[in-house]
Structures are given as C-alpha cells and as structure tokens.
Amino acid sequence: MCGVSGCTVSVRFDQGKAQKYSAVEPADYSTTYLFLQGYDRFVAAAKKSKRVFIEAQFYQEGPQVFEFDIADLKW
C-alpha cells in the first residue's frame, strides 16, 4: 500500500534492529512491486548478512513479512 508520495517498509538484516526504508510504486502503478530507496545503505548491510526480512503493508491483509536467505548470494 503505497500512495503517490510513497511509503515506508521495515527491513531487518539477520538479528539486527529494524530500519525504515522509503519505497515507491512503479511508474505504471502496478500493485505487485515496490522499489526501495537507499540502495547503497541496503547493499552495504546485505553484504554483511545471511538473511534479510522486509515488512510491508498490504491492502486488507495488514503487515506481512518476507524472509530472504541471502547467505549464498554472490556479490
């Protein structure tokens, strides 16, 4: 659920503290994607992590958390 001016999502790397990231919808207003702002900060933290958790708000579903195993990601 992002509006024209964007929204925020919570991102946690491994067992670290959750951090807020700004997000925006695609230019075509698709409701199946979000683009996180702060690429450099995100990638720097991801390179030091094995898992990333992203929590976003979903229409009529509330907050949902996605867990990604990035331990074997080749940078």
PDB file of N, CA and C in Angstrom:
ATOM      1  N   MET A   1       0.837  -1.183   0.000  1.00  0.00           N
ATOM      2  CA  MET A   1       0.000   0.000   0.000  1.00  0.00           C
ATOM      3  C   MET A   1       0.880   1.244   0.000  1.00  0.00           C
ATOM      4  N   CYS A   2       1.197   1.718  -1.147  1.00  0.00           N
ATOM      5  CA  CYS A   2       1.946   2.960  -1.291  1.00  0.00           C
ATOM      6  C   CYS A   2       1.081   3.942  -2.057  1.00  0.00           C
ATOM      7  N   GLY A   3       1.135   5.160  -1.635  1.00  0.00           N
ATOM      8  CA  GLY A   3       0.428   6.194  -2.366  1.00  0.00           C
ATOM      9  C   GLY A   3       1.354   6.864  -3.368  1.00  0.00           C
ATOM     10  N   VAL A   4       0.875   7.935  -3.952  1.00  0.00           N
ATOM     11  CA  VAL A   4       1.656   8.677  -4.934  1.00  0.00           C
ATOM     12  C   VAL A   4       2.953   9.187  -4.327  1.00  0.00           C
ATOM     13  N   SER A   5       2.920   9.556  -3.055  1.00  0.00           N
ATOM     14  CA  SER A   5       4.117  10.097  -2.410  1.00  0.00           C
ATOM     15  C   SER A   5       5.001   9.018  -1.786  1.00  0.00           C
ATOM     16  N   GLY A   6       4.661   7.743  -1.971  1.00  0.00           N
ATOM     17  CA  GLY A   6       5.486   6.661  -1.454  1.00  0.00           C
ATOM     18  C   GLY A   6       5.033   6.164  -0.095  1.00  0.00           C
ATOM     19  N   CYS A   7       5.843   5.301   0.492  1.00  0.00           N
ATOM     20  CA  CYS A   7       5.539   4.711   1.794  1.00  0.00           C
ATOM     21  C   CYS A   7       6.856   4.263   2.432  1.00  0.00           C
ATOM     22  N   THR A   8       6.760   3.613   3.571  1.00  0.00           N
ATOM     23  CA  THR A   8       7.948   3.061   4.208  1.00  0.00           C
ATOM     24  C   THR A   8       7.749   1.576   4.474  1.00  0.00           C
ATOM     25  N   VAL A   9       8.847   0.855   4.477  1.00  0.00           N
ATOM     26  CA  VAL A   9       8.861  -0.556   4.846  1.00  0.00           C
ATOM     27  C   VAL A   9       9.930  -0.740   5.908  1.00  0.00           C
ATOM     28  N   SER A  10       9.788  -1.769   6.707  1.00  0.00           N
ATOM     29  CA  SER A  10      10.796  -2.097   7.717  1.00  0.00           C
ATOM     30  C   SER A  10      11.690  -3.198   7.167  1.00  0.00           C
ATOM     31  N   VAL A  11      12.992  -3.024   7.327  1.00  0.00           N
ATOM     32  CA  VAL A  11      13.967  -4.003   6.849  1.00  0.00           C
ATOM     33  C   VAL A  11      14.874  -4.364   8.018  1.00  0.00           C
ATOM     34  N   ARG A  12      15.054  -5.675   8.214  1.00  0.00           N
ATOM     35  CA  ARG A  12      15.954  -6.150   9.261  1.00  0.00           C
ATOM     36  C   ARG A  12      16.941  -7.115   8.635  1.00  0.00           C
ATOM     37  N   PHE A  13      18.202  -6.929   8.966  1.00  0.00           N
ATOM     38  CA  PHE A  13      19.266  -7.808   8.486  1.00  0.00           C
ATOM     39  C   PHE A  13      19.681  -8.715   9.637  1.00  0.00           C
ATOM     40  N   ASP A  14      19.631 -10.019   9.410  1.00  0.00           N
ATOM     41  CA  ASP A  14      19.918 -11.015  10.449  1.00  0.00           C
ATOM     42  C   ASP A  14      19.119 -10.689  11.707  1.00  0.00           C
ATOM     43  N   GLN A  15      19.780 -10.593  12.842  1.00  0.00           N
ATOM     44  CA  GLN A  15      19.091 -10.313  14.107  1.00  0.00           C
ATOM     45  C   GLN A  15      19.190  -8.840  14.506  1.00  0.00           C
ATOM     46  N   GLY A  16      19.578  -7.999  13.566  1.00  0.00           N
ATOM     47  CA  GLY A  16      19.735  -6.572  13.846  1.00  0.00           C
ATOM     48  C   GLY A  16      18.415  -5.856  14.069  1.00  0.00           C
ATOM     49  N   LYS A  17      18.520  -4.607  14.397  1.00  0.00           N
ATOM     50  CA  LYS A  17      17.360  -3.755  14.635  1.00  0.00           C
ATOM     51  C   LYS A  17      16.706  -3.405  13.296  1.00  0.00           C
ATOM     52  N   ALA A  18      15.381  -3.352  13.277  1.00  0.00           N
ATOM     53  CA  ALA A  18      14.649  -2.987  12.066  1.00  0.00           C
ATOM     54  C   ALA A  18      14.958  -1.543  11.684  1.00  0.00           C
ATOM     55  N   GLN A  19      15.110  -1.317  10.395  1.00  0.00           N
ATOM     56  CA  GLN A  19      15.387   0.010   9.850  1.00  0.00           C
ATOM     57  C   GLN A  19      14.273   0.365   8.876  1.00  0.00           C
ATOM     58  N   LYS A  20      13.928   1.636   8.820  1.00  0.00           N
ATOM     59  CA  LYS A  20      12.904   2.107   7.892  1.00  0.00           C
ATOM     60  C   LYS A  20      13.558   2.480   6.560  1.00  0.00           C
ATOM     61  N   TYR A  21      12.942   2.057   5.478  1.00  0.00           N
ATOM     62  CA  TYR A  21      13.354   2.423   4.127  1.00  0.00           C
ATOM     63  C   TYR A  21      12.151   3.022   3.411  1.00  0.00           C
ATOM     64  N   SER A  22      12.380   4.079   2.674  1.00  0.00           N
ATOM     65  CA  SER A  22      11.332   4.642   1.827  1.00  0.00           C
ATOM     66  C   SER A  22      11.155   3.731   0.633  1.00  0.00           C
ATOM     67  N   ALA A  23       9.923   3.654   0.148  1.00  0.00           N
ATOM     68  CA  ALA A  23       9.626   2.835  -1.026  1.00  0.00           C
ATOM     69  C   ALA A  23       8.662   3.593  -1.926  1.00  0.00           C
ATOM     70  N   VAL A  24       8.706   3.266  -3.197  1.00  0.00           N
ATOM     71  CA  VAL A  24       7.790   3.864  -4.170  1.00  0.00           C
ATOM     72  C   VAL A  24       7.244   2.773  -5.083  1.00  0.00           C
ATOM     73  N   GLU A  25       6.062   3.038  -5.631  1.00  0.00           N
ATOM     74  CA  GLU A  25       5.467   2.128  -6.593  1.00  0.00           C
ATOM     75  C   GLU A  25       6.101   2.361  -7.965  1.00  0.00           C
ATOM     76  N   PRO A  26       5.986   1.395  -8.871  1.00  0.00           N
ATOM     77  CA  PRO A  26       6.496   1.593 -10.220  1.00  0.00           C
ATOM     78  C   PRO A  26       5.694   2.682 -10.954  1.00  0.00           C
ATOM     79  N   ALA A  27       6.271   3.200 -12.007  1.00  0.00           N
ATOM     80  CA  ALA A  27       5.630   4.265 -12.783  1.00  0.00           C
ATOM     81  C   ALA A  27       4.295   3.828 -13.385  1.00  0.00           C
ATOM     82  N   ASP A  28       4.124   2.527 -13.627  1.00  0.00           N
ATOM     83  CA  ASP A  28       2.861   2.048 -14.204  1.00  0.00           C
ATOM     84  C   ASP A  28       1.806   1.752 -13.136  1.00  0.00           C
ATOM     85  N   TYR A  29       2.116   2.098 -11.873  1.00  0.00           N
ATOM     86  CA  TYR A  29       1.206   1.920 -10.728  1.00  0.00           C
ATOM     87  C   TYR A  29       0.852   0.463 -10.455  1.00  0.00           C
ATOM     88  N   SER A  30       1.688  -0.445 -10.898  1.00  0.00           N
ATOM     89  CA  SER A  30       1.483  -1.855 -10.605  1.00  0.00           C
ATOM     90  C   SER A  30       1.464  -2.041  -9.090  1.00  0.00           C
ATOM     91  N   THR A  31       0.605  -2.903  -8.617  1.00  0.00           N
ATOM     92  CA  THR A  31       0.500  -3.131  -7.172  1.00  0.00           C
ATOM     93  C   THR A  31       1.281  -4.361  -6.725  1.00  0.00           C
ATOM     94  N   THR A  32       2.081  -4.927  -7.612  1.00  0.00           N
ATOM     95  CA  THR A  32       2.830  -6.136  -7.251  1.00  0.00           C
ATOM     96  C   THR A  32       4.305  -5.887  -7.009  1.00  0.00           C
ATOM     97  N   TYR A  33       4.742  -4.628  -7.097  1.00  0.00           N
ATOM     98  CA  TYR A  33       6.151  -4.294  -6.892  1.00  0.00           C
ATOM     99  C   TYR A  33       6.296  -3.050  -6.024  1.00  0.00           C
ATOM    100  N   LEU A  34       7.398  -2.984  -5.309  1.00  0.00           N
ATOM    101  CA  LEU A  34       7.829  -1.779  -4.609  1.00  0.00           C
ATOM    102  C   LEU A  34       9.320  -1.623  -4.859  1.00  0.00           C
ATOM    103  N   PHE A  35       9.766  -0.398  -4.979  1.00  0.00           N
ATOM    104  CA  PHE A  35      11.190  -0.116  -5.153  1.00  0.00           C
ATOM    105  C   PHE A  35      11.700   0.604  -3.917  1.00  0.00           C
ATOM    106  N   LEU A  36      12.702   0.009  -3.273  1.00  0.00           N
ATOM    107  CA  LEU A  36      13.265   0.611  -2.067  1.00  0.00           C
ATOM    108  C   LEU A  36      14.229   1.727  -2.437  1.00  0.00           C
ATOM    109  N   GLN A  37      14.213   2.774  -1.644  1.00  0.00           N
ATOM    110  CA  GLN A  37      15.151   3.881  -1.787  1.00  0.00           C
ATOM    111  C   GLN A  37      16.341   3.575  -0.867  1.00  0.00           C
ATOM    112  N   GLY A  38      17.481   4.159  -1.115  1.00  0.00           N
ATOM    113  CA  GLY A  38      18.648   3.923  -0.265  1.00  0.00           C
ATOM    114  C   GLY A  38      19.428   2.689  -0.655  1.00  0.00           C
ATOM    115  N   TYR A  39      19.646   2.520  -1.955  1.00  0.00           N
ATOM    116  CA  TYR A  39      20.344   1.353  -2.494  1.00  0.00           C
ATOM    117  C   TYR A  39      21.683   1.105  -1.801  1.00  0.00           C
ATOM    118  N   ASP A  40      22.513   2.131  -1.680  1.00  0.00           N
ATOM    119  CA  ASP A  40      23.854   1.960  -1.104  1.00  0.00           C
ATOM    120  C   ASP A  40      23.792   1.436   0.327  1.00  0.00           C
ATOM    121  N   ARG A  41      22.897   1.997   1.126  1.00  0.00           N
ATOM    122  CA  ARG A  41      22.747   1.565   2.526  1.00  0.00           C
ATOM    123  C   ARG A  41      22.244   0.125   2.589  1.00  0.00           C
ATOM    124  N   PHE A  42      21.278  -0.226   1.732  1.00  0.00           N
ATOM    125  CA  PHE A  42      20.723  -1.573   1.711  1.00  0.00           C
ATOM    126  C   PHE A  42      21.787  -2.595   1.328  1.00  0.00           C
ATOM    127  N   VAL A  43      22.510  -2.351   0.247  1.00  0.00           N
ATOM    128  CA  VAL A  43      23.507  -3.310  -0.236  1.00  0.00           C
ATOM    129  C   VAL A  43      24.655  -3.459   0.757  1.00  0.00           C
ATOM    130  N   ALA A  44      25.087  -2.363   1.366  1.00  0.00           N
ATOM    131  CA  ALA A  44      26.176  -2.439   2.350  1.00  0.00           C
ATOM    132  C   ALA A  44      25.783  -3.355   3.515  1.00  0.00           C
ATOM    133  N   ALA A  45      24.562  -3.222   3.995  1.00  0.00           N
ATOM    134  CA  ALA A  45      24.105  -4.074   5.101  1.00  0.00           C
ATOM    135  C   ALA A  45      23.884  -5.509   4.631  1.00  0.00           C
ATOM    136  N   ALA A  46      23.345  -5.688   3.431  1.00  0.00           N
ATOM    137  CA  ALA A  46      23.077  -7.032   2.907  1.00  0.00           C
ATOM    138  C   ALA A  46      24.360  -7.834   2.719  1.00  0.00           C
ATOM    139  N   LYS A  47      25.415  -7.182   2.296  1.00  0.00           N
ATOM    140  CA  LYS A  47      26.686  -7.882   2.072  1.00  0.00           C
ATOM    141  C   LYS A  47      27.250  -8.481   3.354  1.00  0.00           C
ATOM    142  N   LYS A  48      26.859  -7.959   4.497  1.00  0.00           N
ATOM    143  CA  LYS A  48      27.342  -8.450   5.788  1.00  0.00           C
ATOM    144  C   LYS A  48      26.362  -9.422   6.436  1.00  0.00           C
ATOM    145  N   SER A  49      25.284  -9.762   5.743  1.00  0.00           N
ATOM    146  CA  SER A  49      24.190 -10.525   6.347  1.00  0.00           C
ATOM    147  C   SER A  49      23.948 -11.856   5.653  1.00  0.00           C
ATOM    148  N   LYS A  50      23.239 -12.726   6.359  1.00  0.00           N
ATOM    149  CA  LYS A  50      22.829 -14.014   5.812  1.00  0.00           C
ATOM    150  C   LYS A  50      21.342 -14.059   5.493  1.00  0.00           C
ATOM    151  N   ARG A  51      20.567 -13.210   6.176  1.00  0.00           N
ATOM    152  CA  ARG A  51      19.117 -13.153   5.958  1.00  0.00           C
ATOM    153  C   ARG A  51      18.654 -11.703   5.999  1.00  0.00           C
ATOM    154  N   VAL A  52      17.629 -11.435   5.209  1.00  0.00           N
ATOM    155  CA  VAL A  52      17.008 -10.113   5.253  1.00  0.00           C
ATOM    156  C   VAL A  52      15.494 -10.316   5.370  1.00  0.00           C
ATOM    157  N   PHE A  53      14.877  -9.516   6.213  1.00  0.00           N
ATOM    158  CA  PHE A  53      13.445  -9.560   6.457  1.00  0.00           C
ATOM    159  C   PHE A  53      12.859  -8.213   6.056  1.00  0.00           C
ATOM    160  N   ILE A  54      11.833  -8.232   5.215  1.00  0.00           N
ATOM    161  CA  ILE A  54      11.194  -6.997   4.764  1.00  0.00           C
ATOM    162  C   ILE A  54       9.720  -7.065   5.128  1.00  0.00           C
ATOM    163  N   GLU A  55       9.259  -6.061   5.875  1.00  0.00           N
ATOM    164  CA  GLU A  55       7.863  -5.988   6.286  1.00  0.00           C
ATOM    165  C   GLU A  55       7.195  -4.821   5.567  1.00  0.00           C
ATOM    166  N   ALA A  56       6.075  -5.096   4.911  1.00  0.00           N
ATOM    167  CA  ALA A  56       5.324  -4.072   4.199  1.00  0.00           C
ATOM    168  C   ALA A  56       3.832  -4.243   4.493  1.00  0.00           C
ATOM    169  N   GLN A  57       3.089  -3.169   4.321  1.00  0.00           N
ATOM    170  CA  GLN A  57       1.641  -3.183   4.500  1.00  0.00           C
ATOM    171  C   GLN A  57       0.965  -3.658   3.217  1.00  0.00           C
ATOM    172  N   PHE A  58      -0.037  -4.507   3.359  1.00  0.00           N
ATOM    173  CA  PHE A  58      -0.799  -4.998   2.219  1.00  0.00           C
ATOM    174  C   PHE A  58      -2.274  -4.698   2.414  1.00  0.00           C
ATOM    175  N   TYR A  59      -2.912  -4.278   1.339  1.00  0.00           N
ATOM    176  CA  TYR A  59      -4.322  -3.923   1.354  1.00  0.00           C
ATOM    177  C   TYR A  59      -5.159  -5.075   1.878  1.00  0.00           C
ATOM    178  N   GLN A  60      -5.954  -4.804   2.866  1.00  0.00           N
ATOM    179  CA  GLN A  60      -6.866  -5.743   3.526  1.00  0.00           C
ATOM    180  C   GLN A  60      -6.168  -6.965   4.125  1.00  0.00           C
ATOM    181  N   GLU A  61      -4.859  -6.942   4.238  1.00  0.00           N
ATOM    182  CA  GLU A  61      -4.111  -8.049   4.830  1.00  0.00           C
ATOM    183  C   GLU A  61      -3.236  -7.585   5.981  1.00  0.00           C
ATOM    184  N   GLY A  62      -2.969  -6.292   6.057  1.00  0.00           N
ATOM    185  CA  GLY A  62      -2.118  -5.767   7.116  1.00  0.00           C
ATOM    186  C   GLY A  62      -0.653  -6.011   6.817  1.00  0.00           C
ATOM    187  N   PRO A  63       0.194  -5.901   7.837  1.00  0.00           N
ATOM    188  CA  PRO A  63       1.630  -6.074   7.612  1.00  0.00           C
ATOM    189  C   PRO A  63       1.999  -7.541   7.355  1.00  0.00           C
ATOM    190  N   GLN A  64       2.859  -7.753   6.370  1.00  0.00           N
ATOM    191  CA  GLN A  64       3.352  -9.084   6.034  1.00  0.00           C
ATOM    192  C   GLN A  64       4.881  -9.020   5.979  1.00  0.00           C
ATOM    193  N   VAL A  65       5.526 -10.073   6.470  1.00  0.00           N
ATOM    194  CA  VAL A  65       6.990 -10.123   6.493  1.00  0.00           C
ATOM    195  C   VAL A  65       7.480 -11.165   5.491  1.00  0.00           C
ATOM    196  N   PHE A  66       8.451 -10.753   4.671  1.00  0.00           N
ATOM    197  CA  PHE A  66       9.097 -11.645   3.722  1.00  0.00           C
ATOM    198  C   PHE A  66      10.514 -11.898   4.204  1.00  0.00           C
ATOM    199  N   GLU A  67      10.912 -13.168   4.214  1.00  0.00           N
ATOM    200  CA  GLU A  67      12.261 -13.546   4.646  1.00  0.00           C
ATOM    201  C   GLU A  67      13.037 -14.056   3.437  1.00  0.00           C
ATOM    202  N   PHE A  68      14.249 -13.523   3.249  1.00  0.00           N
ATOM    203  CA  PHE A  68      15.099 -13.918   2.138  1.00  0.00           C
ATOM    204  C   PHE A  68      16.419 -14.454   2.683  1.00  0.00           C
ATOM    205  N   ASP A  69      16.785 -15.652   2.251  1.00  0.00           N
ATOM    206  CA  ASP A  69      18.070 -16.244   2.600  1.00  0.00           C
ATOM    207  C   ASP A  69      19.083 -15.750   1.559  1.00  0.00           C
ATOM    208  N   ILE A  70      20.006 -14.906   1.978  1.00  0.00           N
ATOM    209  CA  ILE A  70      20.977 -14.336   1.039  1.00  0.00           C
ATOM    210  C   ILE A  70      22.401 -14.813   1.344  1.00  0.00           C
ATOM    211  N   ALA A  71      22.518 -15.848   2.154  1.00  0.00           N
ATOM    212  CA  ALA A  71      23.832 -16.339   2.585  1.00  0.00           C
ATOM    213  C   ALA A  71      24.732 -16.719   1.413  1.00  0.00           C
ATOM    214  N   ASP A  72      24.166 -17.313   0.369  1.00  0.00           N
ATOM    215  CA  ASP A  72      24.970 -17.772  -0.765  1.00  0.00           C
ATOM    216  C   ASP A  72      24.955 -16.811  -1.946  1.00  0.00           C
ATOM    217  N   LEU A  73      24.469 -15.608  -1.727  1.00  0.00           N
ATOM    218  CA  LEU A  73      24.425 -14.623  -2.800  1.00  0.00           C
ATOM    219  C   LEU A  73      25.846 -14.191  -3.161  1.00  0.00           C
ATOM    220  N   LYS A  74      26.159 -14.235  -4.440  1.00  0.00           N
ATOM    221  CA  LYS A  74      27.485 -13.845  -4.921  1.00  0.00           C
ATOM    222  C   LYS A  74      27.466 -12.367  -5.287  1.00  0.00           C
ATOM    223  N   TRP A  75      28.290 -11.583  -4.647  1.00  0.00           N
ATOM    224  CA  TRP A  75      28.355 -10.149  -4.910  1.00  0.00           C
ATOM    225  C   TRP A  75      29.432  -9.932  -5.912  1.00  0.00           C
TER     226      TRP A  75
END
